[in-house]
Amino acid sequence: MAVYALTGFSLVSLLSFGYFSWDWMKPNQVENEPISDFIHKGSTFKSRQPPHIIFILTDDQGFHDIGYHDSDIRTPTLDKLAAEGVKLENYYIQPICTPSRSQLITGRYQIHTGLQHSIIRPRQPNCLPLDQVTLPQKLQEAGYATHMVGKWHLGFYKKECLPTRRGFHTYFGSLTGSVDYYSYESCDGPGMCGFDLHDGETVAWGQGGKYSTHLYTQRVRKILASHDPRQPIFIFLSFQAVHTPLQSPKGYIYQYRGMSNVARRKYAAMVSVVDEAVRNVTYALRKYGYYQNSVLIFSTDNGGQPFFGGSNWPLRGRKGTYWEGGIRGLGFVHSPLLRRRRRVSKALVHITDWYPTLVALAGGNISASERLDGYDVWPAISEGKQSPRLEILHNIDPLYNHAKHGSWQEGHRIWNTAVQASIRVGDWKLLTGDPGYGDWIPPQMLATFPGSWWNLERHTDIQKSVWLFNITGDPYERYDLSSRRPDVVKQLLLRLAYYNRTAIPVRYPAEDPRANPELHGGAWVPWAGDEEDDIWDEIYRKRMKAKKCKICKLRSFFKKLNTRIISNRLD
């Protein structure tokens, strides 16, 4: 009965969006308008001077791991800031670290930066493409002082890739994806370990021994204390917390002594340290005269990992998957500049949207030629207006293991359903290929399951490669409607095909032995010369040249196919 109700609701929502009138092989209807128009259209934001922007990103914090989501973890500061601001309850991120960070800092989907597969590993000669204009670079153009503190994880194989070369006036933090919270040792496999804490472009040897969340917070407070609040400032505070290893000062664990799950207990303590850190940052904003003209954004980078204490309940899946548990993010905006505060926003927002939104707030310019995938969502957040975003490409990963039962035939000869991909259009979400571990994991279970139980689903031969959900009516993804709504499946497959034609080659090079920290005094540092050519640029040029030859034929094919499918409407 629930399925029929959802199906009926889905048809109404589909018609209400007017999808049948769309040209499914063109960009999102909103994308047809220049991005520069969106930046100013309908926005009533005014300030005597550009606002100070503080963006706080946590690592691996699950959807359930904040107090206002009825969690067993205490986060009084985050709860209060969110309650007085705008909670983003239809907010999407990426399922793992590098993709989320790349999309935040470029405003582009990972298929448009070549980072659509996995993460950037420490020994890979790879980084955020150097031709990408970053968010801090745009803010510098608008007169901002830009500072980054915390985890980078966007590549460092040569100096041109470092945060200080990508738009930040100062940088203090770790370049790799995971480090010890006290010793700052980072390992990329057995025997491949090195020190990873950097101040600017030098190794910060003398700073080891202090807990990273405290150390990073201290650095932010020093920046605020020494800066003149009459000049706008952008601070990107990228905590490594609450990523593994599970470490926290002992004093924070005691309040969770009643938790029988040891991993959950340590994890909860780490979240509490973050909550205290945010309290100290907001205190500094008030103390040094920034607060009244500030915008504070809080976001996670991906879903939680239940193996290590995180929880995404009641969402399906976990970190690393394209189920909602991997990509539905915690997020809120707190600012005295918000027009409508103390509310929950259901506006569709994606992590790529922060780039144009913050550039617009800063008074910067974005031209249509930059072809961002993000939108200025400030009117939706601040004033409760409708979001300009109608869809989200979660990703297309051609290198991920292909699903055994996927095929072009199952994809109506529009799409190879063996390929891992996911997209949301309006209320609808489509997944193809292998979306990852898809169970629902109540927080009381978590890592207390015997190891063999966790592997039950992995050993099950799931003879599927297509799923369709009405996410608005079924946010927990319990009712797969793919067999009942083949018409919608076809529409979303067409959208995947459209986006795939715009994708650039995947950047995922082999590991370089020159990266070994033993060759660099025991630290992770750039190892390639800036004069070394980026082989991926040459590969990209060659592939794009060949791709252009095929595009004319593909356009003709998709136009005919699109016309045939759209004309076959339901009564």
Protein backbone atom coordinates (compact mmCIF):
# COMPACT_ATOMS: atom_id res chain seq x y z
CA MET A 1 0.00 0.00 0.00
CA ALA A 2 2.89 2.31 0.85
CA VAL A 3 4.44 1.63 -2.54
CA TYR A 4 1.25 2.58 -4.38
CA ALA A 5 0.99 5.78 -2.35
CA LEU A 6 4.55 6.69 -3.20
CA THR A 7 3.98 5.90 -6.84
CA GLY A 8 0.96 8.16 -7.02
CA PHE A 9 2.80 10.92 -5.26
CA SER A 10 5.72 10.50 -7.66
CA LEU A 11 3.58 10.94 -10.76
CA VAL A 12 2.06 14.12 -9.42
CA SER A 13 5.47 15.50 -8.48
CA LEU A 14 6.85 14.58 -11.88
CA LEU A 15 4.06 16.40 -13.72
CA SER A 16 4.29 19.38 -11.39
CA PHE A 17 7.91 19.89 -12.41
CA GLY A 18 6.89 19.82 -16.06
CA TYR A 19 9.55 17.24 -16.87
CA PHE A 20 7.77 16.01 -19.94
CA SER A 21 8.37 19.38 -21.56
CA TRP A 22 12.12 19.21 -20.95
CA ASP A 23 14.75 18.54 -23.54
CA TRP A 24 16.54 15.80 -21.64
CA MET A 25 19.73 16.11 -23.64
CA LYS A 26 20.26 19.74 -22.66
CA PRO A 27 21.51 21.06 -19.32
CA ASN A 28 19.20 21.61 -16.35
CA GLN A 29 16.69 24.22 -17.47
CA VAL A 30 18.16 26.62 -14.95
CA GLU A 31 21.57 26.13 -16.55
CA ASN A 32 20.29 27.67 -19.76
CA GLU A 33 20.56 31.07 -18.10
CA PRO A 34 23.99 32.64 -17.56
CA ILE A 35 25.39 31.98 -14.13
CA SER A 36 26.13 35.66 -13.71
CA ASP A 37 22.40 36.33 -13.99
CA PHE A 38 21.66 33.94 -11.17
CA ILE A 39 24.13 35.58 -8.86
CA HIS A 40 22.09 38.77 -8.70
CA LYS A 41 18.62 37.64 -9.73
CA GLY A 42 16.19 37.81 -6.83
CA SER A 43 18.89 38.31 -4.23
CA THR A 44 18.16 41.11 -1.79
CA PHE A 45 21.40 40.64 0.17
CA LYS A 46 22.95 43.95 1.13
CA SER A 47 25.81 44.70 3.43
CA ARG A 48 27.89 47.77 4.08
CA GLN A 49 30.93 45.65 3.30
CA PRO A 50 31.44 42.06 2.14
CA PRO A 51 30.81 39.60 4.98
CA HIS A 52 33.45 37.59 6.75
CA ILE A 53 33.07 33.93 5.73
CA ILE A 54 33.94 31.02 8.02
CA PHE A 55 33.48 27.60 6.44
CA ILE A 56 33.82 24.67 8.87
CA LEU A 57 34.11 21.18 7.36
CA THR A 58 34.16 18.00 9.42
CA ASP A 59 35.37 14.64 8.15
CA ASP A 60 33.24 11.46 8.25
CA GLN A 61 30.58 12.90 10.58
CA GLY A 62 27.41 10.90 10.03
CA PHE A 63 23.92 12.27 9.45
CA HIS A 64 22.80 11.00 12.88
CA ASP A 65 25.85 12.35 14.70
CA ILE A 66 24.55 15.74 15.80
CA GLY A 67 22.25 16.58 18.69
CA TYR A 68 19.40 18.10 16.69
CA HIS A 69 18.99 14.82 14.78
CA ASP A 70 18.05 13.14 18.06
CA SER A 71 21.50 11.69 18.51
CA ASP A 72 23.06 10.15 21.59
CA ILE A 73 26.00 12.50 20.99
CA ARG A 74 25.90 15.87 22.76
CA THR A 75 26.55 18.89 20.55
CA PRO A 76 25.07 21.90 22.39
CA THR A 77 27.02 24.54 20.44
CA LEU A 78 26.20 23.14 17.00
CA ASP A 79 22.57 22.66 18.04
CA LYS A 80 22.29 26.28 19.21
CA LEU A 81 23.97 27.75 16.11
CA ALA A 82 21.80 25.66 13.82
CA ALA A 83 18.61 26.50 15.74
CA GLU A 84 19.34 30.23 15.43
CA GLY A 85 20.27 29.92 11.77
CA VAL A 86 19.02 27.79 8.89
CA LYS A 87 19.28 24.00 8.97
CA LEU A 88 19.86 22.49 5.54
CA GLU A 89 17.86 19.28 5.46
CA ASN A 90 18.03 18.63 1.72
CA TYR A 91 21.78 19.11 1.43
CA TYR A 92 24.12 16.84 -0.52
CA ILE A 93 27.83 16.17 -0.42
CA GLN A 94 30.00 13.40 -1.93
CA PRO A 95 30.57 9.95 -0.40
CA ILE A 96 34.35 10.31 0.14
CA CYS A 97 36.92 12.99 0.99
CA THR A 98 38.69 14.24 -2.15
CA PRO A 99 35.54 14.58 -4.31
CA SER A 100 33.73 16.69 -1.72
CA ARG A 101 36.69 18.98 -1.26
CA SER A 102 37.28 19.34 -4.99
CA GLN A 103 33.63 20.24 -5.63
CA LEU A 104 33.56 22.74 -2.77
CA ILE A 105 36.66 24.54 -3.99
CA THR A 106 35.87 24.50 -7.74
CA GLY A 107 32.06 24.59 -7.94
CA ARG A 108 32.28 21.74 -10.47
CA TYR A 109 31.19 18.12 -10.50
CA GLN A 110 34.07 15.70 -10.24
CA ILE A 111 33.43 14.47 -13.79
CA HIS A 112 34.53 17.96 -14.88
CA THR A 113 37.81 17.90 -12.94
CA GLY A 114 38.87 14.29 -13.65
CA LEU A 115 38.55 13.31 -9.97
CA GLN A 116 35.54 11.03 -10.38
CA HIS A 117 37.33 7.92 -9.12
CA SER A 118 38.33 7.29 -5.51
CA ILE A 119 40.59 9.71 -3.60
CA ILE A 120 44.02 11.21 -4.27
CA ARG A 121 46.48 8.91 -2.54
CA PRO A 122 49.69 10.32 -0.97
CA ARG A 123 52.03 8.71 -3.53
CA GLN A 124 50.02 9.61 -6.63
CA PRO A 125 51.41 12.36 -8.90
CA ASN A 126 47.98 13.93 -8.96
CA CYS A 127 46.21 17.00 -7.61
CA LEU A 128 43.31 19.33 -8.23
CA PRO A 129 43.83 20.36 -11.90
CA LEU A 130 45.94 23.48 -12.07
CA ASP A 131 43.68 25.10 -14.67
CA GLN A 132 40.81 25.27 -12.19
CA VAL A 133 40.14 28.69 -10.65
CA THR A 134 39.46 28.02 -6.99
CA LEU A 135 37.04 29.58 -4.54
CA PRO A 136 39.79 31.28 -2.47
CA GLN A 137 41.29 32.70 -5.67
CA LYS A 138 37.95 34.28 -6.54
CA LEU A 139 37.65 35.65 -3.02
CA GLN A 140 41.15 37.08 -3.20
CA GLU A 141 40.09 38.89 -6.37
CA ALA A 142 37.21 40.38 -4.34
CA GLY A 143 39.64 41.73 -1.73
CA TYR A 144 39.52 38.94 0.86
CA ALA A 145 42.29 37.66 3.07
CA THR A 146 42.10 33.87 2.68
CA HIS A 147 43.30 31.31 5.20
CA MET A 148 43.05 27.53 5.37
CA VAL A 149 43.54 25.45 8.49
CA GLY A 150 43.31 21.65 8.52
CA LYS A 151 43.04 18.78 6.07
CA TRP A 152 43.79 19.48 2.38
CA HIS A 153 43.62 16.09 0.57
CA LEU A 154 43.64 17.62 -2.91
CA GLY A 155 47.15 16.52 -3.88
CA PHE A 156 50.65 17.86 -3.22
CA TYR A 157 53.04 16.07 -5.57
CA LYS A 158 54.50 19.39 -6.71
CA LYS A 159 54.51 22.80 -5.10
CA GLU A 160 52.02 24.22 -7.58
CA CYS A 161 49.41 21.92 -6.00
CA LEU A 162 49.80 23.27 -2.46
CA PRO A 163 47.03 25.34 -0.80
CA THR A 164 49.28 28.43 -0.80
CA ARG A 165 49.49 28.16 -4.60
CA ARG A 166 45.74 27.59 -5.01
CA GLY A 167 44.40 30.77 -3.44
CA PHE A 168 45.16 30.72 0.28
CA HIS A 169 47.37 33.43 1.76
CA THR A 170 48.24 31.09 4.64
CA TYR A 171 47.92 27.38 5.29
CA PHE A 172 48.39 25.25 8.40
CA GLY A 173 47.46 21.58 8.41
CA SER A 174 47.94 18.14 6.87
CA LEU A 175 48.17 17.40 3.15
CA THR A 176 47.22 13.71 3.16
CA GLY A 177 43.88 12.09 3.98
CA SER A 178 44.47 10.68 7.46
CA VAL A 179 47.01 11.40 10.20
CA ASP A 180 47.53 10.58 13.85
CA TYR A 181 45.86 13.30 15.94
CA TYR A 182 48.95 13.80 18.13
CA SER A 183 52.04 12.63 16.25
CA TYR A 184 50.82 13.69 12.77
CA GLU A 185 52.19 10.51 11.29
CA SER A 186 50.45 9.49 8.07
CA CYS A 187 50.82 6.05 6.52
CA ASP A 188 50.05 4.92 2.99
CA GLY A 189 50.52 1.23 3.53
CA PRO A 190 52.94 -0.82 5.68
CA GLY A 191 56.30 0.85 6.08
CA MET A 192 55.27 3.91 4.08
CA CYS A 193 54.81 6.49 6.84
CA GLY A 194 55.85 10.08 7.27
CA PHE A 195 55.22 13.26 9.24
CA ASP A 196 52.41 15.42 7.85
CA LEU A 197 51.90 18.81 9.45
CA HIS A 198 52.74 21.91 7.43
CA ASP A 199 52.88 25.63 8.08
CA GLY A 200 52.72 27.34 4.73
CA GLU A 201 55.09 25.39 2.49
CA THR A 202 57.39 24.15 5.25
CA VAL A 203 57.16 21.14 7.54
CA ALA A 204 55.92 22.15 11.02
CA TRP A 205 58.15 19.79 12.99
CA GLY A 206 57.86 21.65 16.27
CA GLN A 207 54.05 21.52 16.46
CA GLY A 208 53.65 17.77 17.02
CA GLY A 209 52.18 16.41 20.24
CA LYS A 210 49.11 18.65 20.37
CA TYR A 211 45.66 17.26 19.57
CA SER A 212 44.80 18.41 16.05
CA THR A 213 41.30 19.76 16.74
CA HIS A 214 42.67 21.94 19.53
CA LEU A 215 45.71 22.93 17.47
CA TYR A 216 43.64 23.96 14.46
CA THR A 217 41.20 25.92 16.60
CA GLN A 218 44.07 27.74 18.27
CA ARG A 219 45.43 28.73 14.86
CA VAL A 220 42.05 30.10 13.73
CA ARG A 221 41.74 32.19 16.88
CA LYS A 222 45.23 33.61 16.29
CA ILE A 223 44.28 34.55 12.73
CA LEU A 224 41.14 36.34 13.94
CA ALA A 225 43.04 38.12 16.71
CA SER A 226 45.71 39.47 14.35
CA HIS A 227 43.50 40.41 11.39
CA ASP A 228 41.80 43.78 10.90
CA PRO A 229 38.03 43.07 10.81
CA ARG A 230 37.57 46.00 8.43
CA GLN A 231 39.02 43.78 5.69
CA PRO A 232 36.85 40.79 4.74
CA ILE A 233 38.31 37.43 5.64
CA PHE A 234 37.65 33.87 4.45
CA ILE A 235 38.69 31.04 6.74
CA PHE A 236 38.34 27.43 5.63
CA LEU A 237 38.59 25.33 8.80
CA SER A 238 38.83 21.74 7.60
CA PHE A 239 38.96 19.48 10.65
CA GLN A 240 40.44 16.00 10.27
CA ALA A 241 37.93 15.03 12.96
CA VAL A 242 36.10 12.76 13.15
CA HIS A 243 38.02 10.59 10.69
CA THR A 244 39.97 7.61 11.97
CA PRO A 245 42.11 6.94 13.95
CA LEU A 246 39.63 7.20 16.84
CA GLN A 247 41.53 9.43 19.26
CA SER A 248 40.44 12.09 21.70
CA PRO A 249 41.66 13.60 24.97
CA LYS A 250 40.56 11.40 27.86
CA GLY A 251 38.48 14.09 29.52
CA TYR A 252 35.93 14.05 26.71
CA ILE A 253 35.28 10.32 26.85
CA TYR A 254 33.99 10.23 30.44
CA GLN A 255 30.58 11.71 29.60
CA TYR A 256 29.98 8.76 27.25
CA ARG A 257 31.04 6.06 29.71
CA GLY A 258 27.55 4.56 29.48
CA MET A 259 28.04 3.59 25.83
CA SER A 260 28.88 -0.09 25.64
CA ASN A 261 30.26 0.26 22.12
CA VAL A 262 33.88 1.37 22.52
CA ALA A 263 34.19 2.70 18.97
CA ARG A 264 31.02 4.76 19.36
CA ARG A 265 32.23 6.08 22.71
CA LYS A 266 35.53 7.34 21.26
CA TYR A 267 33.81 8.71 18.19
CA ALA A 268 31.25 10.61 20.31
CA ALA A 269 34.06 12.16 22.34
CA MET A 270 35.72 13.37 19.12
CA VAL A 271 32.48 15.02 18.01
CA SER A 272 32.24 16.75 21.38
CA VAL A 273 35.74 18.16 20.92
CA VAL A 274 34.63 19.57 17.56
CA ASP A 275 31.56 21.09 19.20
CA GLU A 276 33.75 22.81 21.77
CA ALA A 277 36.09 23.99 18.99
CA VAL A 278 33.21 25.62 17.12
CA ARG A 279 32.17 27.34 20.34
CA ASN A 280 35.68 28.77 20.69
CA VAL A 281 35.72 29.97 17.09
CA THR A 282 32.35 31.72 17.41
CA TYR A 283 33.51 33.27 20.67
CA ALA A 284 36.54 34.68 18.85
CA LEU A 285 34.29 36.04 16.08
CA ARG A 286 32.38 38.01 18.70
CA LYS A 287 35.41 39.04 20.75
CA TYR A 288 37.38 40.47 17.83
CA GLY A 289 34.51 42.24 16.08
CA TYR A 290 33.64 39.93 13.18
CA TYR A 291 30.37 38.37 14.23
CA GLN A 292 27.78 40.97 13.18
CA ASN A 293 29.01 40.86 9.59
CA SER A 294 29.84 37.19 9.34
CA VAL A 295 28.49 34.06 7.67
CA LEU A 296 29.35 30.76 9.34
CA ILE A 297 28.74 27.57 7.36
CA PHE A 298 28.97 24.10 8.88
CA SER A 299 29.16 21.01 6.68
CA THR A 300 30.28 17.42 6.69
CA ASP A 301 32.32 16.05 3.78
CA ASN A 302 30.64 12.63 3.52
CA GLY A 303 28.55 10.15 5.44
CA GLY A 304 29.67 8.35 8.59
CA GLN A 305 31.43 5.00 8.77
CA PRO A 306 29.56 2.65 11.14
CA PHE A 307 32.61 0.37 11.41
CA PHE A 308 34.30 3.20 13.30
CA GLY A 309 31.50 4.60 15.44
CA GLY A 310 29.65 6.82 12.95
CA SER A 311 25.92 6.63 12.28
CA ASN A 312 23.73 7.74 9.39
CA TRP A 313 20.50 6.34 10.84
CA PRO A 314 17.78 6.28 9.60
CA LEU A 315 19.36 6.76 6.18
CA ARG A 316 20.48 3.81 4.11
CA GLY A 317 24.15 3.05 3.52
CA ARG A 318 27.38 4.58 4.74
CA LYS A 319 30.51 6.49 3.73
CA GLY A 320 31.75 5.50 0.29
CA THR A 321 28.28 4.66 -1.07
CA TYR A 322 25.74 6.51 -3.19
CA TRP A 323 22.89 5.62 -0.86
CA GLU A 324 21.60 8.58 1.12
CA GLY A 325 23.75 7.63 4.11
CA GLY A 326 26.84 8.33 2.06
CA ILE A 327 25.79 11.58 0.40
CA ARG A 328 23.11 13.30 2.51
CA GLY A 329 25.09 15.81 4.54
CA LEU A 330 24.80 17.59 7.83
CA GLY A 331 24.76 21.30 7.14
CA PHE A 332 23.56 24.63 8.45
CA VAL A 333 24.22 28.35 8.03
CA HIS A 334 24.45 30.71 10.99
CA SER A 335 24.61 34.44 10.38
CA PRO A 336 23.10 37.73 11.61
CA LEU A 337 22.76 38.56 7.90
CA LEU A 338 20.13 35.89 7.24
CA ARG A 339 16.77 37.42 6.35
CA ARG A 340 14.73 34.49 7.75
CA ARG A 341 16.37 32.71 10.64
CA ARG A 342 15.42 29.95 13.06
CA ARG A 343 14.01 27.61 10.45
CA VAL A 344 14.58 24.40 8.54
CA SER A 345 15.22 24.65 4.80
CA LYS A 346 14.21 21.87 2.43
CA ALA A 347 15.74 23.69 -0.54
CA LEU A 348 17.87 21.39 -2.69
CA VAL A 349 21.52 22.34 -2.09
CA HIS A 350 24.74 20.67 -3.22
CA ILE A 351 28.31 21.21 -2.09
CA THR A 352 29.18 22.74 -5.51
CA ASP A 353 26.74 25.56 -4.72
CA TRP A 354 29.00 27.13 -2.10
CA TYR A 355 31.41 28.40 -4.76
CA PRO A 356 28.99 30.71 -6.63
CA THR A 357 27.04 31.49 -3.45
CA LEU A 358 30.07 32.73 -1.55
CA VAL A 359 31.57 34.55 -4.52
CA ALA A 360 28.25 36.37 -4.92
CA LEU A 361 28.15 37.27 -1.23
CA ALA A 362 31.69 38.59 -1.55
CA GLY A 363 30.69 40.85 -4.43
CA GLY A 364 32.83 38.88 -6.87
CA ASN A 365 32.10 38.07 -10.47
CA ILE A 366 31.45 34.75 -12.17
CA SER A 367 31.07 34.71 -15.93
CA ALA A 368 28.97 32.24 -17.86
CA SER A 369 32.14 31.03 -19.56
CA GLU A 370 33.30 29.45 -16.31
CA ARG A 371 30.51 26.87 -16.67
CA LEU A 372 30.12 26.04 -13.00
CA ASP A 373 27.90 23.18 -11.87
CA GLY A 374 26.92 25.08 -8.72
CA TYR A 375 24.27 27.76 -8.21
CA ASP A 376 23.91 30.80 -6.02
CA VAL A 377 21.56 29.46 -3.34
CA TRP A 378 21.77 32.39 -0.93
CA PRO A 379 18.22 33.63 -1.67
CA ALA A 380 16.95 30.10 -0.96
CA ILE A 381 18.90 29.89 2.31
CA SER A 382 18.47 33.44 3.56
CA GLU A 383 14.98 34.29 2.33
CA GLY A 384 13.32 30.92 1.88
CA LYS A 385 13.00 31.28 -1.88
CA GLN A 386 12.91 28.27 -4.19
CA SER A 387 16.28 26.74 -4.91
CA PRO A 388 17.54 27.29 -8.46
CA ARG A 389 18.88 23.74 -8.38
CA LEU A 390 16.60 21.10 -9.90
CA GLU A 391 18.99 18.16 -10.08
CA ILE A 392 22.29 16.77 -8.81
CA LEU A 393 24.72 14.49 -10.58
CA HIS A 394 26.06 12.49 -7.67
CA ASN A 395 28.75 10.95 -9.89
CA ILE A 396 29.69 8.75 -12.82
CA ASP A 397 32.71 6.55 -12.07
CA PRO A 398 33.81 4.52 -15.12
CA LEU A 399 36.72 2.90 -13.24
CA TYR A 400 34.73 1.44 -10.35
CA ASN A 401 34.12 -2.32 -10.56
CA HIS A 402 31.34 -2.87 -13.06
CA ALA A 403 28.20 -4.58 -11.77
CA LYS A 404 27.97 -8.18 -12.90
CA HIS A 405 24.34 -7.94 -13.99
CA GLY A 406 24.42 -4.54 -15.67
CA SER A 407 24.24 -4.02 -19.43
CA TRP A 408 23.32 -1.65 -22.25
CA GLN A 409 20.21 -3.73 -22.85
CA GLU A 410 18.99 -3.22 -19.30
CA GLY A 411 19.71 0.48 -19.75
CA HIS A 412 17.35 0.65 -22.76
CA ARG A 413 20.47 1.08 -24.93
CA ILE A 414 20.78 4.56 -23.45
CA TRP A 415 23.20 3.70 -20.64
CA ASN A 416 25.36 0.79 -19.53
CA THR A 417 23.85 -0.01 -16.16
CA ALA A 418 27.02 -1.86 -15.10
CA VAL A 419 28.68 1.54 -14.60
CA GLN A 420 28.51 3.03 -11.11
CA ALA A 421 26.50 6.24 -11.35
CA SER A 422 23.82 8.16 -9.50
CA ILE A 423 21.69 11.18 -10.24
CA ARG A 424 18.81 13.03 -8.62
CA VAL A 425 16.26 14.98 -10.67
CA GLY A 426 13.48 16.67 -8.73
CA ASP A 427 12.08 14.07 -6.35
CA TRP A 428 13.63 11.16 -8.23
CA LYS A 429 16.94 9.42 -7.60
CA LEU A 430 18.47 6.80 -9.88
CA LEU A 431 21.40 4.51 -9.09
CA THR A 432 23.16 2.19 -11.54
CA GLY A 433 26.01 -0.29 -11.21
CA ASP A 434 27.17 -1.08 -7.68
CA PRO A 435 26.16 1.78 -5.34
CA GLY A 436 27.95 0.23 -2.34
CA TYR A 437 26.88 -1.41 0.92
CA GLY A 438 23.19 -0.69 1.21
CA ASP A 439 21.97 -1.76 4.63
CA TRP A 440 20.22 0.31 7.30
CA ILE A 441 22.33 0.35 10.46
CA PRO A 442 20.70 1.47 13.74
CA PRO A 443 23.20 3.25 16.00
CA GLN A 444 22.84 0.69 18.78
CA MET A 445 24.26 -1.98 16.47
CA LEU A 446 27.21 -0.28 14.80
CA ALA A 447 30.51 -2.10 15.24
CA THR A 448 29.15 -4.56 17.82
CA PHE A 449 28.07 -6.84 14.96
CA PRO A 450 30.34 -9.87 14.56
CA GLY A 451 32.60 -9.38 11.54
CA SER A 452 30.90 -12.20 9.63
CA TRP A 453 27.54 -10.41 9.86
CA TRP A 454 28.90 -7.30 8.17
CA ASN A 455 29.96 -9.41 5.20
CA LEU A 456 26.61 -11.13 4.62
CA GLU A 457 25.47 -8.66 2.01
CA ARG A 458 28.84 -8.67 0.28
CA HIS A 459 28.55 -12.41 -0.28
CA THR A 460 25.05 -12.11 -1.66
CA ASP A 461 24.78 -12.04 -5.43
CA ILE A 462 22.44 -9.08 -5.91
CA GLN A 463 21.07 -9.50 -9.40
CA LYS A 464 20.28 -5.82 -9.87
CA SER A 465 22.02 -2.84 -11.37
CA VAL A 466 19.22 -0.23 -11.45
CA TRP A 467 17.34 1.38 -8.54
CA LEU A 468 14.81 4.21 -8.59
CA PHE A 469 13.49 6.05 -5.55
CA ASN A 470 11.21 8.96 -4.85
CA ILE A 471 13.53 10.59 -2.31
CA THR A 472 11.00 13.17 -1.16
CA GLY A 473 8.39 10.55 -0.34
CA ASP A 474 10.86 7.82 0.59
CA PRO A 475 14.03 9.41 2.01
CA TYR A 476 15.16 6.12 3.51
CA GLU A 477 15.20 4.32 0.11
CA ARG A 478 13.03 1.40 1.12
CA TYR A 479 10.82 1.23 -1.99
CA ASP A 480 12.57 0.61 -5.29
CA LEU A 481 10.23 1.82 -8.05
CA SER A 482 12.41 1.00 -11.06
CA SER A 483 10.18 -1.81 -12.32
CA ARG A 484 6.98 0.23 -11.80
CA ARG A 485 8.25 3.40 -13.44
CA PRO A 486 10.39 2.48 -16.46
CA ASP A 487 9.41 5.82 -18.01
CA VAL A 488 11.17 7.72 -15.22
CA VAL A 489 14.15 5.35 -15.36
CA LYS A 490 14.57 6.20 -19.05
CA GLN A 491 14.37 9.92 -18.38
CA LEU A 492 17.11 9.76 -15.76
CA LEU A 493 19.26 7.46 -17.90
CA LEU A 494 19.10 10.16 -20.56
CA ARG A 495 20.34 12.69 -18.02
CA LEU A 496 23.28 10.40 -17.15
CA ALA A 497 24.05 10.04 -20.86
CA TYR A 498 24.00 13.82 -21.23
CA TYR A 499 26.39 14.37 -18.34
CA ASN A 500 28.67 11.57 -19.47
CA ARG A 501 29.21 13.38 -22.77
CA THR A 502 30.58 16.35 -20.83
CA ALA A 503 32.97 14.29 -18.65
CA ILE A 504 36.73 14.59 -18.98
CA PRO A 505 39.13 11.62 -18.62
CA VAL A 506 39.70 10.24 -15.14
CA ARG A 507 42.91 11.38 -13.44
CA TYR A 508 44.15 8.36 -11.48
CA PRO A 509 47.88 7.80 -12.07
CA ALA A 510 50.05 5.01 -10.70
CA GLU A 511 51.95 5.64 -7.48
CA ASP A 512 55.34 7.31 -7.76
CA PRO A 513 58.19 5.78 -5.68
CA ARG A 514 59.80 9.23 -5.40
CA ALA A 515 57.07 10.17 -2.91
CA ASN A 516 58.47 7.91 -0.16
CA PRO A 517 58.92 10.09 2.97
CA GLU A 518 62.24 8.35 3.67
CA LEU A 519 63.62 10.24 0.68
CA HIS A 520 62.50 13.58 2.15
CA GLY A 521 63.68 13.62 5.74
CA GLY A 522 60.74 11.58 7.01
CA ALA A 523 57.93 13.93 5.91
CA TRP A 524 55.27 13.95 3.21
CA VAL A 525 56.26 16.81 0.91
CA PRO A 526 56.10 17.64 -2.81
CA TRP A 527 58.55 15.45 -4.71
CA ALA A 528 58.16 16.41 -8.37
CA GLY A 529 59.56 19.54 -9.96
CA ASP A 530 57.10 22.19 -11.07
CA GLU A 531 58.71 22.06 -14.51
CA GLU A 532 57.53 18.47 -14.98
CA ASP A 533 54.66 18.32 -17.42
CA ASP A 534 51.29 17.11 -16.27
CA ILE A 535 50.81 14.04 -18.45
CA TRP A 536 47.09 14.17 -17.79
CA ASP A 537 46.78 17.46 -19.66
CA GLU A 538 48.19 15.83 -22.78
CA ILE A 539 45.95 12.77 -22.36
CA TYR A 540 42.98 15.07 -21.94
CA ARG A 541 43.77 17.00 -25.11
CA LYS A 542 44.12 13.83 -27.18
CA ARG A 543 40.93 12.25 -25.87
CA MET A 544 38.89 15.41 -26.26
CA LYS A 545 40.04 15.73 -29.87
CA ALA A 546 38.84 12.21 -30.58
CA LYS A 547 35.66 12.81 -28.60
CA LYS A 548 34.70 15.85 -30.67
CA CYS A 549 34.68 13.68 -33.80
CA LYS A 550 32.00 11.48 -32.24
CA ILE A 551 29.83 14.21 -30.74
CA CYS A 552 28.03 15.13 -33.97
CA LYS A 553 26.90 11.54 -34.46
CA LEU A 554 25.98 11.20 -30.77
CA ARG A 555 23.89 14.36 -30.81
CA SER A 556 21.88 13.08 -33.75
CA PHE A 557 21.37 9.72 -32.04
CA PHE A 558 20.29 11.20 -28.69
CA LYS A 559 18.00 13.73 -30.33
CA LYS A 560 16.08 10.97 -32.11
CA LEU A 561 16.05 8.80 -29.00
CA ASN A 562 14.92 11.66 -26.78
CA THR A 563 12.08 12.57 -29.12
CA ARG A 564 10.91 8.95 -29.20
CA ILE A 565 10.93 8.57 -25.39
CA ILE A 566 9.41 11.93 -24.51
CA SER A 567 6.58 11.44 -26.98
CA ASN A 568 5.59 8.21 -25.26
CA ARG A 569 3.79 9.93 -22.37
CA LEU A 570 1.60 8.37 -19.75
CA ASP A 571 -2.10 9.25 -19.84
